[in-house]
Amino acid sequence: MSVFSENIRLLRATLGKTQRELSQQIQITSSRYSSYENGKSKPPVDVLIRISRIFNVSIDLLLSVDLTKHSLKDMLKLPDNRIVLPVVVDQQGNESIEIVPQKATMGYLRGYSDPDYIESLQTISLPFLKNGKFRAFPADGDSMPPFRDGSYIIGKYMEGINDLKSGNTYVFITLNDGITYKRLRAKNKTSLTVASDNTFYKPYDIPLNEIVEVWQYATGIFPEDF
């Protein structure tokens, strides 16, 4: 069976529901739902969205991460209780901040939703950062002073594009550019206009369909601080 089939079987059992009960919630026949759990067919996008909302689990995790190998308690729960990201904690139970190394920036694009990859990253703890999920990303170049090569931007995970505000700075994880740190200028219908603080570089648009994650700037780490 597929990862998706195993995941929905696990999540249904976690909710304590029968296939018939869940199919009624999804508004499909029980035989159709059964075919999803048995791996005989795949749901169309509209049904997949309904399944994601009922289980409160992102579509990305449903399709790509084997949840049977990980505790749901170790996933990040957003304000609407939707599970989207693996969370790493230290031996004392404090949430850790994963550090994405400079040499692994493209690897992050492939592994950002994989708990095994996230657990392999080095971590730090900053007690003053609370109420959210934080991650450290390497700065690159001179487009966003005072950040430069060797420094890190720590960002807070943002759930949706609607939560972004013009004028704030964000780490954007995109399909084409990987990790990029920019200031948001404007939200358009199909793209975001972003700019560097270094005026030598011109503003440009990032298509919404290329964005896989957004992290709002929280604080920074500079080599001279250590």
Protein backbone atom coordinates (compact mmCIF):
# COMPACT_ATOMS: atom_id res chain seq x y z
CA MET A 1 0.00 0.00 0.00
CA SER A 2 1.02 3.62 -0.47
CA VAL A 3 2.15 6.06 2.23
CA PHE A 4 -1.16 7.87 1.80
CA SER A 5 -3.17 4.67 2.36
CA GLU A 6 -1.23 3.80 5.51
CA ASN A 7 -1.58 7.35 6.80
CA ILE A 8 -5.35 7.63 6.47
CA ARG A 9 -5.78 4.18 8.00
CA LEU A 10 -3.68 5.29 11.00
CA LEU A 11 -5.46 8.63 11.36
CA ARG A 12 -8.91 7.07 11.12
CA ALA A 13 -7.97 4.61 13.87
CA THR A 14 -6.63 7.50 15.97
CA LEU A 15 -10.01 9.22 15.68
CA GLY A 16 -11.78 5.97 16.56
CA LYS A 17 -14.02 6.10 13.49
CA THR A 18 -15.22 3.39 11.14
CA GLN A 19 -14.76 3.64 7.39
CA ARG A 20 -18.50 4.28 7.03
CA GLU A 21 -18.47 7.12 9.57
CA LEU A 22 -15.49 8.78 7.95
CA SER A 23 -16.83 8.39 4.42
CA GLN A 24 -20.01 10.18 5.51
CA GLN A 25 -17.94 13.09 6.81
CA ILE A 26 -15.99 13.24 3.56
CA GLN A 27 -19.27 12.96 1.62
CA ILE A 28 -18.29 9.91 -0.43
CA THR A 29 -19.43 6.28 -0.41
CA SER A 30 -17.85 3.88 2.07
CA SER A 31 -16.66 1.64 -0.78
CA ARG A 32 -14.90 4.58 -2.38
CA TYR A 33 -13.17 5.47 0.87
CA SER A 34 -12.22 1.82 1.39
CA SER A 35 -10.48 1.84 -1.99
CA TYR A 36 -8.28 4.71 -0.75
CA GLU A 37 -7.21 2.81 2.37
CA ASN A 38 -6.57 -0.34 0.34
CA GLY A 39 -4.47 1.57 -2.16
CA LYS A 40 -6.70 0.62 -5.09
CA SER A 41 -7.43 4.21 -6.08
CA LYS A 42 -6.39 7.78 -5.30
CA PRO A 43 -8.71 10.64 -4.30
CA PRO A 44 -9.18 13.67 -6.55
CA VAL A 45 -7.98 17.03 -5.27
CA ASP A 46 -11.33 18.13 -3.82
CA VAL A 47 -11.67 14.92 -1.79
CA LEU A 48 -8.03 15.10 -0.72
CA ILE A 49 -8.64 18.59 0.67
CA ARG A 50 -11.65 17.35 2.66
CA ILE A 51 -9.64 14.43 4.05
CA SER A 52 -6.84 16.80 5.05
CA ARG A 53 -9.28 19.08 6.90
CA ILE A 54 -11.00 16.24 8.74
CA PHE A 55 -7.71 14.77 9.97
CA ASN A 56 -6.18 18.24 10.56
CA VAL A 57 -3.04 17.11 8.74
CA SER A 58 -1.45 18.91 5.79
CA ILE A 59 -1.79 17.35 2.35
CA ASP A 60 2.00 17.38 2.06
CA LEU A 61 2.39 15.11 5.09
CA LEU A 62 -0.50 12.87 4.05
CA LEU A 63 1.14 12.14 0.71
CA SER A 64 4.86 12.14 1.50
CA VAL A 65 5.61 11.23 5.13
CA ASP A 66 4.97 7.81 6.68
CA LEU A 67 3.18 8.88 9.86
CA THR A 68 3.21 5.32 11.20
CA LYS A 69 6.92 5.79 11.94
CA HIS A 70 6.50 9.01 13.91
CA SER A 71 4.48 10.16 16.89
CA LEU A 72 1.79 12.69 16.03
CA LYS A 73 2.69 14.39 19.31
CA ASP A 74 6.03 15.32 17.73
CA MET A 75 4.38 17.30 14.96
CA LEU A 76 3.72 21.02 15.15
CA LYS A 77 0.10 21.90 15.93
CA LEU A 78 -0.94 25.27 14.57
CA PRO A 79 -3.68 27.45 16.11
CA ASP A 80 -6.37 25.62 14.11
CA ASN A 81 -4.88 22.32 15.41
CA ARG A 82 -3.63 21.37 11.94
CA ILE A 83 -0.46 19.29 11.93
CA VAL A 84 2.16 20.37 9.42
CA LEU A 85 5.73 20.08 10.64
CA PRO A 86 7.89 17.74 12.66
CA VAL A 87 8.99 19.29 15.96
CA VAL A 88 12.32 18.47 17.60
CA VAL A 89 12.70 18.60 21.38
CA ASP A 90 15.76 18.17 23.61
CA GLN A 91 16.13 15.76 26.53
CA GLN A 92 14.41 18.22 28.85
CA GLY A 93 11.42 18.46 26.53
CA ASN A 94 12.24 21.99 25.34
CA GLU A 95 11.56 22.72 21.69
CA SER A 96 14.76 23.01 19.68
CA ILE A 97 15.57 25.25 16.73
CA GLU A 98 16.98 23.30 13.81
CA ILE A 99 19.91 24.83 11.94
CA VAL A 100 19.97 24.35 8.18
CA PRO A 101 23.69 24.30 7.21
CA GLN A 102 24.97 26.33 4.28
CA LYS A 103 26.08 23.22 2.39
CA ALA A 104 22.64 21.62 2.73
CA THR A 105 20.40 24.42 1.48
CA MET A 106 19.22 22.49 -1.58
CA GLY A 107 18.90 19.35 0.52
CA TYR A 108 16.42 21.24 2.69
CA LEU A 109 14.16 21.74 -0.31
CA ARG A 110 13.96 17.96 -0.69
CA GLY A 111 13.67 17.14 3.00
CA TYR A 112 11.74 19.98 4.65
CA SER A 113 8.68 17.79 5.32
CA ASP A 114 10.61 14.63 6.24
CA PRO A 115 10.91 14.10 10.02
CA ASP A 116 14.04 11.96 9.53
CA TYR A 117 15.78 14.82 7.72
CA ILE A 118 14.68 17.39 10.31
CA GLU A 119 15.93 15.19 13.14
CA SER A 120 19.34 14.96 11.45
CA LEU A 121 19.91 18.73 11.68
CA GLN A 122 21.92 20.31 14.48
CA THR A 123 19.83 22.28 16.96
CA ILE A 124 20.07 25.18 19.38
CA SER A 125 17.72 26.46 22.07
CA LEU A 126 16.69 30.10 22.49
CA PRO A 127 14.26 30.29 25.46
CA PHE A 128 13.07 33.79 24.55
CA LEU A 129 11.55 32.53 21.30
CA LYS A 130 8.11 31.16 22.15
CA ASN A 131 4.63 30.65 20.67
CA GLY A 132 5.59 29.19 17.34
CA LYS A 133 7.91 26.94 15.38
CA PHE A 134 11.35 28.43 14.64
CA ARG A 135 14.18 27.39 12.32
CA ALA A 136 17.59 28.88 11.44
CA PHE A 137 18.57 29.45 7.81
CA PRO A 138 21.97 30.51 6.42
CA ALA A 139 22.35 34.00 4.97
CA ASP A 140 23.85 34.30 1.51
CA GLY A 141 25.47 37.30 -0.17
CA ASP A 142 25.03 40.99 0.62
CA SER A 143 21.44 41.65 -0.44
CA MET A 144 20.02 41.87 3.10
CA PRO A 145 22.45 43.71 5.41
CA PRO A 146 23.52 43.25 8.15
CA PHE A 147 23.24 39.56 7.22
CA ARG A 148 26.07 38.09 5.17
CA ASP A 149 27.79 34.78 4.56
CA GLY A 150 28.30 32.95 7.84
CA SER A 151 25.33 34.51 9.64
CA TYR A 152 21.92 32.94 10.21
CA ILE A 153 18.35 34.18 10.04
CA ILE A 154 15.98 32.58 12.55
CA GLY A 155 12.44 32.55 11.25
CA LYS A 156 9.02 31.72 12.66
CA TYR A 157 6.90 29.40 10.54
CA MET A 158 3.98 31.10 8.79
CA GLU A 159 0.89 29.03 8.03
CA GLY A 160 -0.51 30.98 5.09
CA ILE A 161 0.21 33.74 2.59
CA ASN A 162 -2.68 35.75 4.03
CA ASP A 163 -0.73 36.09 7.28
CA LEU A 164 2.18 37.88 5.59
CA LYS A 165 2.46 41.65 5.96
CA SER A 166 4.10 44.09 3.57
CA GLY A 167 7.24 45.64 5.05
CA ASN A 168 8.22 42.57 7.07
CA THR A 169 11.09 40.30 6.09
CA TYR A 170 10.71 36.58 5.44
CA VAL A 171 12.68 33.50 4.51
CA PHE A 172 10.99 32.06 1.43
CA ILE A 173 11.51 28.41 0.49
CA THR A 174 10.80 28.19 -3.24
CA LEU A 175 11.01 25.50 -5.87
CA ASN A 176 13.35 27.53 -8.10
CA ASP A 177 15.55 29.50 -5.69
CA GLY A 178 15.57 27.24 -2.64
CA ILE A 179 16.17 29.44 0.44
CA THR A 180 15.94 33.20 -0.04
CA TYR A 181 15.57 36.02 2.51
CA LYS A 182 13.76 39.16 1.34
CA ARG A 183 11.46 42.00 2.39
CA LEU A 184 7.85 41.71 1.25
CA ARG A 185 6.77 44.67 -0.85
CA ALA A 186 3.31 43.60 -2.05
CA LYS A 187 0.92 40.66 -2.22
CA ASN A 188 -0.47 40.17 -5.71
CA LYS A 189 -3.10 37.79 -7.04
CA THR A 190 -0.64 35.16 -8.24
CA SER A 191 2.69 36.32 -6.81
CA LEU A 192 4.55 38.18 -4.09
CA THR A 193 6.72 41.20 -4.85
CA VAL A 194 9.88 41.06 -2.75
CA ALA A 195 12.95 43.26 -2.50
CA SER A 196 16.43 43.34 -1.03
CA ASP A 197 17.39 45.96 1.56
CA ASN A 198 20.51 46.54 -0.53
CA THR A 199 19.17 48.92 -3.21
CA PHE A 200 21.71 47.62 -5.71
CA TYR A 201 19.32 44.71 -6.30
CA LYS A 202 15.98 45.22 -8.02
CA PRO A 203 12.63 43.96 -6.64
CA TYR A 204 11.13 40.88 -8.28
CA ASP A 205 8.07 38.64 -8.09
CA ILE A 206 7.86 35.14 -6.62
CA PRO A 207 4.95 33.10 -8.09
CA LEU A 208 2.72 31.75 -5.33
CA ASN A 209 2.77 28.26 -6.83
CA GLU A 210 6.56 28.11 -6.33
CA ILE A 211 6.44 28.83 -2.58
CA VAL A 212 6.59 25.77 -0.32
CA GLU A 213 7.33 27.44 3.04
CA VAL A 214 7.53 30.95 4.54
CA TRP A 215 9.31 31.89 7.79
CA GLN A 216 9.01 35.37 9.31
CA TYR A 217 12.20 36.96 10.64
CA ALA A 218 12.48 36.61 14.42
CA THR A 219 16.17 37.19 15.20
CA GLY A 220 19.63 36.62 13.80
CA ILE A 221 22.91 34.93 14.67
CA PHE A 222 26.20 36.55 13.65
CA PRO A 223 29.70 34.98 13.74
CA GLU A 224 31.11 37.89 15.77
CA ASP A 225 28.66 37.10 18.56
CA PHE A 226 30.59 33.92 19.37
